[in-house]
């Protein structure tokens, strides 16, 4: 139940042409404490509840537990979430042995595009697509739980 991932900014829209699929995601947070974040998510027509633990110092690894829940339950739980429900379109982009998940944020986070890749271990090598920009792994500003409280449109350049 360890999640190991790296996160990057995206420099162009070329990933759209490489995506194998796209889905709409709506998510909110019942708890945004960094030691135990609790997220409710709707992906397509499916609901999920996820608990994430505190990240390691590099921001690459943390505990993650996720469970599918009925869509109706997810919709109800979203009403209980802290202010700042996120909406995004997720593009799944195969690259070598990995799949990059590229999130185009909407609403108050419009303009932010972030790519994540999940790994089996922290030292695992992976092929980097040309549209992959600056690495922001471990930068808490880019955590979804933080984007819900401090949206991208409020950031200063």
N, C-alpha and C. Protein backbone atom coordinates (compact mmCIF):
# COMPACT_ATOMS: atom_id res chain seq x y z
N UNK A 1 0.82 -1.19 0.00
CA UNK A 1 0.00 0.00 0.00
C UNK A 1 0.86 1.26 0.00
N UNK A 2 2.01 1.14 -0.63
CA UNK A 2 2.88 2.30 -0.82
C UNK A 2 2.64 2.87 -2.20
N UNK A 3 2.55 4.18 -2.28
CA UNK A 3 2.46 4.87 -3.55
C UNK A 3 3.81 5.53 -3.79
N UNK A 4 4.41 5.25 -4.93
CA UNK A 4 5.67 5.88 -5.33
C UNK A 4 5.41 6.58 -6.65
N UNK A 5 5.54 7.90 -6.66
CA UNK A 5 5.28 8.62 -7.89
C UNK A 5 6.16 9.86 -7.98
N UNK A 6 6.33 10.31 -9.22
CA UNK A 6 7.04 11.56 -9.50
C UNK A 6 6.11 12.46 -10.28
N UNK A 7 6.24 13.75 -10.05
CA UNK A 7 5.31 14.73 -10.61
C UNK A 7 6.09 15.81 -11.36
N UNK A 8 5.55 16.22 -12.52
CA UNK A 8 6.21 17.18 -13.39
C UNK A 8 5.21 18.17 -13.96
N UNK A 9 5.69 19.37 -14.25
CA UNK A 9 4.90 20.31 -15.03
C UNK A 9 4.97 19.87 -16.49
N UNK A 10 4.02 20.34 -17.27
CA UNK A 10 3.93 19.96 -18.68
C UNK A 10 4.18 21.20 -19.53
N UNK A 11 5.01 21.06 -20.57
CA UNK A 11 5.45 22.22 -21.35
C UNK A 11 4.69 22.44 -22.65
N UNK A 12 3.91 21.46 -23.10
CA UNK A 12 3.13 21.64 -24.33
C UNK A 12 1.91 20.74 -24.29
N UNK A 13 1.03 20.90 -25.26
CA UNK A 13 -0.18 20.08 -25.32
C UNK A 13 0.00 18.82 -26.16
N UNK A 14 1.24 18.49 -26.52
CA UNK A 14 1.51 17.32 -27.36
C UNK A 14 1.01 16.02 -26.73
N UNK A 15 0.92 15.97 -25.41
CA UNK A 15 0.44 14.76 -24.72
C UNK A 15 -0.97 14.38 -25.16
N UNK A 16 -1.76 15.36 -25.56
CA UNK A 16 -3.15 15.07 -25.96
C UNK A 16 -3.21 14.11 -27.14
N UNK A 17 -2.29 14.28 -28.07
CA UNK A 17 -2.26 13.40 -29.25
C UNK A 17 -1.75 12.01 -28.90
N UNK A 18 -0.98 11.89 -27.81
CA UNK A 18 -0.41 10.62 -27.40
C UNK A 18 -1.30 9.86 -26.41
N UNK A 19 -2.35 10.51 -25.90
CA UNK A 19 -3.19 9.91 -24.88
C UNK A 19 -4.00 8.74 -25.44
N UNK A 20 -4.07 7.67 -24.66
CA UNK A 20 -4.89 6.52 -25.04
C UNK A 20 -6.33 6.70 -24.60
N UNK A 21 -6.55 7.53 -23.57
CA UNK A 21 -7.91 7.82 -23.09
C UNK A 21 -7.88 9.07 -22.21
N UNK A 22 -9.08 9.60 -21.99
CA UNK A 22 -9.25 10.79 -21.15
C UNK A 22 -10.49 10.56 -20.29
N UNK A 23 -10.43 10.98 -19.03
CA UNK A 23 -11.64 10.92 -18.22
C UNK A 23 -11.74 12.14 -17.31
N UNK A 24 -12.95 12.48 -16.97
CA UNK A 24 -13.23 13.62 -16.09
C UNK A 24 -13.16 13.13 -14.65
N UNK A 25 -12.53 13.93 -13.79
CA UNK A 25 -12.41 13.60 -12.37
C UNK A 25 -12.90 14.79 -11.55
N UNK A 26 -13.72 14.49 -10.56
CA UNK A 26 -14.15 15.47 -9.56
C UNK A 26 -13.72 14.90 -8.23
N UNK A 27 -13.05 15.72 -7.42
CA UNK A 27 -12.61 15.20 -6.13
C UNK A 27 -12.62 16.29 -5.07
N UNK A 28 -12.86 15.85 -3.84
CA UNK A 28 -12.84 16.74 -2.70
C UNK A 28 -12.13 16.05 -1.54
N UNK A 29 -11.91 16.80 -0.49
CA UNK A 29 -11.16 16.30 0.65
C UNK A 29 -11.97 16.41 1.93
N UNK A 30 -12.14 15.28 2.59
CA UNK A 30 -12.77 15.26 3.91
C UNK A 30 -11.78 15.72 4.97
N UNK A 31 -10.49 15.55 4.68
CA UNK A 31 -9.43 15.95 5.61
C UNK A 31 -8.18 16.26 4.79
N UNK A 32 -7.57 17.42 5.02
CA UNK A 32 -6.36 17.80 4.29
C UNK A 32 -5.14 17.85 5.19
N UNK A 33 -5.20 17.26 6.36
CA UNK A 33 -4.02 17.17 7.22
C UNK A 33 -2.97 16.35 6.48
N UNK A 34 -1.73 16.88 6.31
CA UNK A 34 -0.70 16.16 5.54
C UNK A 34 -0.38 14.76 6.07
N UNK A 35 -0.65 14.53 7.35
CA UNK A 35 -0.35 13.20 7.91
C UNK A 35 -1.41 12.16 7.57
N UNK A 36 -2.60 12.62 7.15
CA UNK A 36 -3.69 11.70 6.84
C UNK A 36 -4.74 12.38 5.98
N UNK A 37 -4.45 12.52 4.74
CA UNK A 37 -5.39 13.13 3.80
C UNK A 37 -6.46 12.11 3.44
N UNK A 38 -7.73 12.54 3.45
CA UNK A 38 -8.84 11.67 3.06
C UNK A 38 -9.56 12.32 1.88
N UNK A 39 -9.53 11.62 0.75
CA UNK A 39 -10.06 12.15 -0.50
C UNK A 39 -11.28 11.34 -0.95
N UNK A 40 -12.24 12.03 -1.53
CA UNK A 40 -13.39 11.41 -2.19
C UNK A 40 -13.28 11.79 -3.66
N UNK A 41 -13.42 10.80 -4.53
CA UNK A 41 -13.21 11.06 -5.96
C UNK A 41 -14.28 10.36 -6.78
N UNK A 42 -14.70 11.06 -7.84
CA UNK A 42 -15.54 10.44 -8.87
C UNK A 42 -14.75 10.48 -10.16
N UNK A 43 -14.50 9.28 -10.72
CA UNK A 43 -13.83 9.13 -12.01
C UNK A 43 -14.83 8.49 -12.95
N UNK A 44 -15.27 9.27 -13.92
CA UNK A 44 -16.28 8.74 -14.81
C UNK A 44 -17.55 8.47 -14.02
N UNK A 45 -17.97 7.22 -13.96
CA UNK A 45 -19.18 6.84 -13.22
C UNK A 45 -18.85 6.00 -11.99
N UNK A 46 -17.60 6.10 -11.51
CA UNK A 46 -17.18 5.31 -10.35
C UNK A 46 -16.75 6.22 -9.21
N UNK A 47 -17.04 5.80 -7.99
CA UNK A 47 -16.65 6.55 -6.80
C UNK A 47 -15.52 5.85 -6.06
N UNK A 48 -14.70 6.65 -5.37
CA UNK A 48 -13.57 6.13 -4.60
C UNK A 48 -13.38 6.96 -3.34
N UNK A 49 -12.87 6.30 -2.32
CA UNK A 49 -12.40 7.00 -1.13
C UNK A 49 -10.95 6.58 -0.93
N UNK A 50 -10.11 7.55 -0.63
CA UNK A 50 -8.67 7.30 -0.54
C UNK A 50 -8.12 7.96 0.71
N UNK A 51 -7.25 7.23 1.40
CA UNK A 51 -6.51 7.77 2.54
C UNK A 51 -5.04 7.77 2.15
N UNK A 52 -4.39 8.92 2.31
CA UNK A 52 -2.96 9.03 2.02
C UNK A 52 -2.24 9.50 3.28
N UNK A 53 -1.07 8.92 3.50
CA UNK A 53 -0.25 9.31 4.65
C UNK A 53 0.74 10.40 4.29
N UNK A 54 1.58 10.72 5.24
CA UNK A 54 2.61 11.74 5.07
C UNK A 54 3.66 11.26 4.08
N UNK A 55 4.08 12.14 3.18
CA UNK A 55 5.12 11.80 2.20
C UNK A 55 6.49 11.74 2.87
N UNK A 56 7.39 10.97 2.25
CA UNK A 56 8.78 10.98 2.72
C UNK A 56 9.41 12.34 2.38
N UNK A 57 10.65 12.55 2.79
CA UNK A 57 11.32 13.85 2.63
C UNK A 57 11.39 14.30 1.17
N UNK A 58 11.54 13.36 0.24
CA UNK A 58 11.64 13.70 -1.18
C UNK A 58 10.27 13.92 -1.82
N UNK A 59 9.23 13.49 -1.15
CA UNK A 59 7.88 13.62 -1.69
C UNK A 59 7.51 12.53 -2.67
N UNK A 60 8.33 11.49 -2.79
CA UNK A 60 8.07 10.45 -3.78
C UNK A 60 7.21 9.30 -3.26
N UNK A 61 7.25 9.04 -1.96
CA UNK A 61 6.64 7.83 -1.42
C UNK A 61 5.75 8.16 -0.23
N UNK A 62 4.58 7.52 -0.22
CA UNK A 62 3.70 7.63 0.94
C UNK A 62 2.69 6.50 0.94
N UNK A 63 2.11 6.29 2.10
CA UNK A 63 1.06 5.29 2.26
C UNK A 63 -0.17 5.75 1.47
N UNK A 64 -0.79 4.80 0.77
CA UNK A 64 -2.04 5.10 0.08
C UNK A 64 -2.96 3.89 0.16
N UNK A 65 -4.18 4.13 0.57
CA UNK A 65 -5.23 3.11 0.61
C UNK A 65 -6.42 3.66 -0.14
N UNK A 66 -6.91 2.89 -1.11
CA UNK A 66 -8.05 3.35 -1.90
C UNK A 66 -9.07 2.24 -2.02
N UNK A 67 -10.33 2.63 -1.96
CA UNK A 67 -11.43 1.67 -2.03
C UNK A 67 -12.51 2.23 -2.95
N UNK A 68 -13.00 1.39 -3.86
CA UNK A 68 -14.13 1.78 -4.69
C UNK A 68 -15.38 1.84 -3.82
N UNK A 69 -16.20 2.87 -4.05
CA UNK A 69 -17.46 3.01 -3.33
C UNK A 69 -18.55 3.32 -4.36
N UNK A 70 -19.81 3.08 -4.01
CA UNK A 70 -20.88 3.40 -4.96
C UNK A 70 -20.88 4.88 -5.33
N UNK A 71 -21.20 5.15 -6.59
CA UNK A 71 -21.23 6.52 -7.10
C UNK A 71 -22.09 7.42 -6.23
N UNK A 72 -23.25 6.95 -5.84
CA UNK A 72 -24.17 7.75 -5.01
C UNK A 72 -23.51 8.12 -3.69
N UNK A 73 -22.76 7.19 -3.08
CA UNK A 73 -22.05 7.48 -1.83
C UNK A 73 -20.99 8.56 -2.05
N UNK A 74 -20.26 8.46 -3.16
CA UNK A 74 -19.23 9.46 -3.46
C UNK A 74 -19.87 10.83 -3.66
N UNK A 75 -20.99 10.89 -4.36
CA UNK A 75 -21.68 12.16 -4.57
C UNK A 75 -22.12 12.77 -3.24
N UNK A 76 -22.61 11.94 -2.34
CA UNK A 76 -23.04 12.41 -1.02
C UNK A 76 -21.85 12.89 -0.20
N UNK A 77 -20.77 12.12 -0.21
CA UNK A 77 -19.58 12.51 0.56
C UNK A 77 -18.95 13.79 0.03
N UNK A 78 -19.03 14.03 -1.29
CA UNK A 78 -18.49 15.28 -1.84
C UNK A 78 -19.17 16.50 -1.22
N UNK A 79 -20.42 16.35 -0.82
CA UNK A 79 -21.15 17.46 -0.18
C UNK A 79 -20.61 17.77 1.21
N UNK A 80 -19.92 16.81 1.82
CA UNK A 80 -19.34 17.00 3.16
C UNK A 80 -17.89 17.48 3.12
N UNK A 81 -17.32 17.54 1.95
CA UNK A 81 -15.90 17.86 1.82
C UNK A 81 -15.60 19.31 2.18
N UNK A 82 -14.34 19.53 2.52
CA UNK A 82 -13.85 20.89 2.76
C UNK A 82 -14.07 21.71 1.48
N UNK A 83 -14.08 23.02 1.63
CA UNK A 83 -14.25 23.90 0.48
C UNK A 83 -13.11 23.69 -0.52
N UNK A 84 -13.44 23.78 -1.80
CA UNK A 84 -12.41 23.68 -2.82
C UNK A 84 -12.41 22.37 -3.58
N UNK A 85 -13.57 21.88 -3.98
CA UNK A 85 -13.65 20.66 -4.77
C UNK A 85 -12.94 20.89 -6.11
N UNK A 86 -12.11 19.94 -6.51
CA UNK A 86 -11.31 20.05 -7.74
C UNK A 86 -11.99 19.32 -8.89
N UNK A 87 -11.81 19.89 -10.08
CA UNK A 87 -12.24 19.23 -11.30
C UNK A 87 -11.08 19.25 -12.27
N UNK A 88 -10.92 18.13 -12.99
CA UNK A 88 -9.82 18.03 -13.94
C UNK A 88 -10.14 16.97 -14.99
N UNK A 89 -9.46 17.10 -16.11
CA UNK A 89 -9.50 16.07 -17.14
C UNK A 89 -8.16 15.35 -17.08
N UNK A 90 -8.22 14.03 -16.95
CA UNK A 90 -7.01 13.23 -16.86
C UNK A 90 -6.79 12.49 -18.18
N UNK A 91 -5.60 12.70 -18.74
CA UNK A 91 -5.18 12.04 -19.98
C UNK A 91 -4.21 10.93 -19.60
N UNK A 92 -4.46 9.72 -20.08
CA UNK A 92 -3.58 8.58 -19.83
C UNK A 92 -2.66 8.42 -21.04
N UNK A 93 -1.36 8.61 -20.80
CA UNK A 93 -0.40 8.64 -21.89
C UNK A 93 0.64 7.53 -21.71
N UNK A 94 0.57 6.46 -22.52
CA UNK A 94 1.59 5.42 -22.45
C UNK A 94 2.94 5.96 -22.88
N UNK A 95 3.98 5.58 -22.14
CA UNK A 95 5.35 6.00 -22.47
C UNK A 95 6.28 4.88 -22.01
N UNK A 96 6.78 4.11 -22.95
CA UNK A 96 7.62 2.97 -22.59
C UNK A 96 6.82 2.00 -21.73
N UNK A 97 7.40 1.60 -20.60
CA UNK A 97 6.75 0.64 -19.70
C UNK A 97 5.78 1.32 -18.73
N UNK A 98 5.61 2.62 -18.83
CA UNK A 98 4.80 3.37 -17.86
C UNK A 98 3.63 4.09 -18.53
N UNK A 99 2.72 4.54 -17.70
CA UNK A 99 1.62 5.38 -18.16
C UNK A 99 1.68 6.68 -17.37
N UNK A 100 1.83 7.78 -18.08
CA UNK A 100 1.78 9.09 -17.44
C UNK A 100 0.31 9.51 -17.33
N UNK A 101 -0.06 10.02 -16.17
CA UNK A 101 -1.38 10.58 -15.96
C UNK A 101 -1.22 12.10 -16.00
N UNK A 102 -1.76 12.72 -17.04
CA UNK A 102 -1.62 14.16 -17.23
C UNK A 102 -2.94 14.81 -16.86
N UNK A 103 -2.90 15.65 -15.82
CA UNK A 103 -4.10 16.31 -15.33
C UNK A 103 -4.16 17.75 -15.82
N UNK A 104 -5.22 18.06 -16.54
CA UNK A 104 -5.55 19.43 -16.94
C UNK A 104 -6.59 19.92 -15.94
N UNK A 105 -6.18 20.83 -15.07
CA UNK A 105 -7.09 21.31 -14.03
C UNK A 105 -8.07 22.32 -14.60
N UNK A 106 -9.25 22.36 -14.02
CA UNK A 106 -10.32 23.25 -14.44
C UNK A 106 -10.67 24.20 -13.29
N UNK A 107 -11.62 25.07 -13.51
CA UNK A 107 -12.09 25.97 -12.45
C UNK A 107 -10.99 26.88 -11.93
N UNK A 108 -10.86 26.95 -10.62
CA UNK A 108 -9.88 27.84 -9.99
C UNK A 108 -8.43 27.42 -10.23
N UNK A 109 -8.22 26.23 -10.78
CA UNK A 109 -6.87 25.76 -11.08
C UNK A 109 -6.61 25.69 -12.59
N UNK A 110 -7.53 26.28 -13.36
CA UNK A 110 -7.37 26.28 -14.82
C UNK A 110 -6.02 26.90 -15.20
N UNK A 111 -5.37 26.27 -16.18
CA UNK A 111 -4.06 26.72 -16.62
C UNK A 111 -2.93 25.85 -16.08
N UNK A 112 -3.22 25.09 -15.04
CA UNK A 112 -2.22 24.19 -14.47
C UNK A 112 -2.36 22.82 -15.12
N UNK A 113 -1.24 22.30 -15.63
CA UNK A 113 -1.21 20.96 -16.22
C UNK A 113 -0.02 20.23 -15.60
N UNK A 114 -0.31 19.10 -14.97
CA UNK A 114 0.70 18.34 -14.23
C UNK A 114 0.67 16.88 -14.69
N UNK A 115 1.84 16.28 -14.83
CA UNK A 115 1.95 14.86 -15.20
C UNK A 115 2.55 14.09 -14.04
N UNK A 116 2.00 12.91 -13.78
CA UNK A 116 2.52 12.03 -12.74
C UNK A 116 2.82 10.67 -13.35
N UNK A 117 3.84 10.03 -12.82
CA UNK A 117 4.15 8.65 -13.22
C UNK A 117 4.35 7.84 -11.95
N UNK A 118 3.67 6.69 -11.87
CA UNK A 118 3.82 5.81 -10.72
C UNK A 118 4.94 4.81 -11.00
N UNK A 119 5.73 4.56 -9.96
CA UNK A 119 6.90 3.69 -10.08
C UNK A 119 6.82 2.54 -9.09
N UNK A 120 7.61 1.50 -9.34
CA UNK A 120 7.68 0.36 -8.43
C UNK A 120 8.66 0.60 -7.30
N UNK A 121 9.70 1.42 -7.56
CA UNK A 121 10.62 1.83 -6.49
C UNK A 121 11.18 3.21 -6.83
N UNK A 122 11.73 3.87 -5.83
CA UNK A 122 12.16 5.27 -6.00
C UNK A 122 13.27 5.44 -7.01
N UNK A 123 14.06 4.40 -7.25
CA UNK A 123 15.20 4.50 -8.18
C UNK A 123 14.86 4.03 -9.59
N UNK A 124 13.62 3.61 -9.80
CA UNK A 124 13.22 3.09 -11.11
C UNK A 124 13.41 4.15 -12.21
N UNK A 125 14.00 3.72 -13.30
CA UNK A 125 14.20 4.59 -14.46
C UNK A 125 12.94 4.58 -15.31
N UNK A 126 12.68 5.67 -15.99
CA UNK A 126 11.54 5.74 -16.89
C UNK A 126 11.85 6.69 -18.03
N UNK A 127 11.20 6.46 -19.14
CA UNK A 127 11.38 7.27 -20.34
C UNK A 127 10.59 8.57 -20.17
N UNK A 128 11.25 9.70 -20.43
CA UNK A 128 10.60 11.00 -20.27
C UNK A 128 10.16 11.55 -21.62
N UNK A 129 8.87 11.80 -21.77
CA UNK A 129 8.40 12.38 -23.03
C UNK A 129 8.90 13.82 -23.20
N UNK A 130 8.94 14.29 -24.43
CA UNK A 130 9.47 15.62 -24.74
C UNK A 130 8.69 16.74 -24.08
N UNK A 131 7.41 16.54 -23.78
CA UNK A 131 6.56 17.58 -23.21
C UNK A 131 6.66 17.64 -21.68
N UNK A 132 7.51 16.80 -21.11
CA UNK A 132 7.67 16.80 -19.65
C UNK A 132 8.61 17.93 -19.26
N UNK A 133 8.18 18.77 -18.33
CA UNK A 133 8.96 19.92 -17.90
C UNK A 133 9.58 19.73 -16.52
N UNK A 134 9.64 20.80 -15.78
CA UNK A 134 10.27 20.85 -14.46
C UNK A 134 9.63 19.84 -13.50
N UNK A 135 10.47 19.13 -12.76
CA UNK A 135 9.96 18.21 -11.76
C UNK A 135 9.51 18.99 -10.53
N UNK A 136 8.30 18.66 -10.04
CA UNK A 136 7.74 19.32 -8.86
C UNK A 136 7.37 18.30 -7.77
N UNK A 137 7.95 17.10 -7.87
CA UNK A 137 7.75 16.09 -6.85
C UNK A 137 8.14 16.68 -5.50
N UNK A 138 7.29 16.52 -4.52
CA UNK A 138 7.60 16.99 -3.17
C UNK A 138 7.27 18.45 -2.93
N UNK A 139 6.93 19.20 -3.98
CA UNK A 139 6.52 20.59 -3.81
C UNK A 139 5.04 20.58 -3.41
N UNK A 140 4.76 20.83 -2.15
CA UNK A 140 3.40 20.66 -1.62
C UNK A 140 2.37 21.56 -2.31
N UNK A 141 2.79 22.63 -2.94
CA UNK A 141 1.84 23.50 -3.66
C UNK A 141 1.09 22.73 -4.74
N UNK A 142 1.72 21.68 -5.28
CA UNK A 142 1.12 20.92 -6.36
C UNK A 142 0.33 19.70 -5.88
N UNK A 143 0.27 19.47 -4.57
CA UNK A 143 -0.57 18.40 -4.05
C UNK A 143 -2.02 18.81 -4.27
N UNK A 144 -2.85 17.90 -4.71
CA UNK A 144 -4.25 18.21 -4.93
C UNK A 144 -4.92 18.75 -3.68
N UNK A 145 -4.56 18.21 -2.52
CA UNK A 145 -5.15 18.69 -1.27
C UNK A 145 -4.83 20.15 -1.03
N UNK A 146 -3.66 20.60 -1.46
CA UNK A 146 -3.28 22.00 -1.31
C UNK A 146 -3.89 22.88 -2.39
N UNK A 147 -4.01 22.34 -3.61
CA UNK A 147 -4.66 23.09 -4.69
C UNK A 147 -6.12 23.37 -4.37
N UNK A 148 -6.74 22.51 -3.56
CA UNK A 148 -8.13 22.75 -3.17
C UNK A 148 -8.23 23.94 -2.22
N UNK A 149 -7.17 24.20 -1.45
CA UNK A 149 -7.17 25.31 -0.49
C UNK A 149 -6.51 26.57 -1.05
N UNK A 150 -5.51 26.40 -1.88
CA UNK A 150 -4.77 27.52 -2.47
C UNK A 150 -4.69 27.30 -3.98
N UNK A 151 -5.77 27.61 -4.69
CA UNK A 151 -5.83 27.31 -6.12
C UNK A 151 -4.81 28.08 -6.94
N UNK A 152 -4.46 27.49 -8.07
CA UNK A 152 -3.45 28.01 -8.98
C UNK A 152 -3.72 29.45 -9.40
N UNK A 153 -4.99 29.81 -9.59
CA UNK A 153 -5.30 31.17 -10.06
C UNK A 153 -4.93 32.24 -9.03
N UNK A 154 -4.70 31.85 -7.77
CA UNK A 154 -4.31 32.80 -6.73
C UNK A 154 -2.79 32.94 -6.60
N UNK A 155 -2.03 32.08 -7.30
CA UNK A 155 -0.58 32.13 -7.20
C UNK A 155 -0.06 33.37 -7.91
N UNK A 156 1.03 33.89 -7.42
CA UNK A 156 1.69 35.00 -8.11
C UNK A 156 2.76 34.41 -9.01
N UNK A 157 2.93 35.00 -10.17
CA UNK A 157 3.92 34.49 -11.12
C UNK A 157 5.32 34.59 -10.59
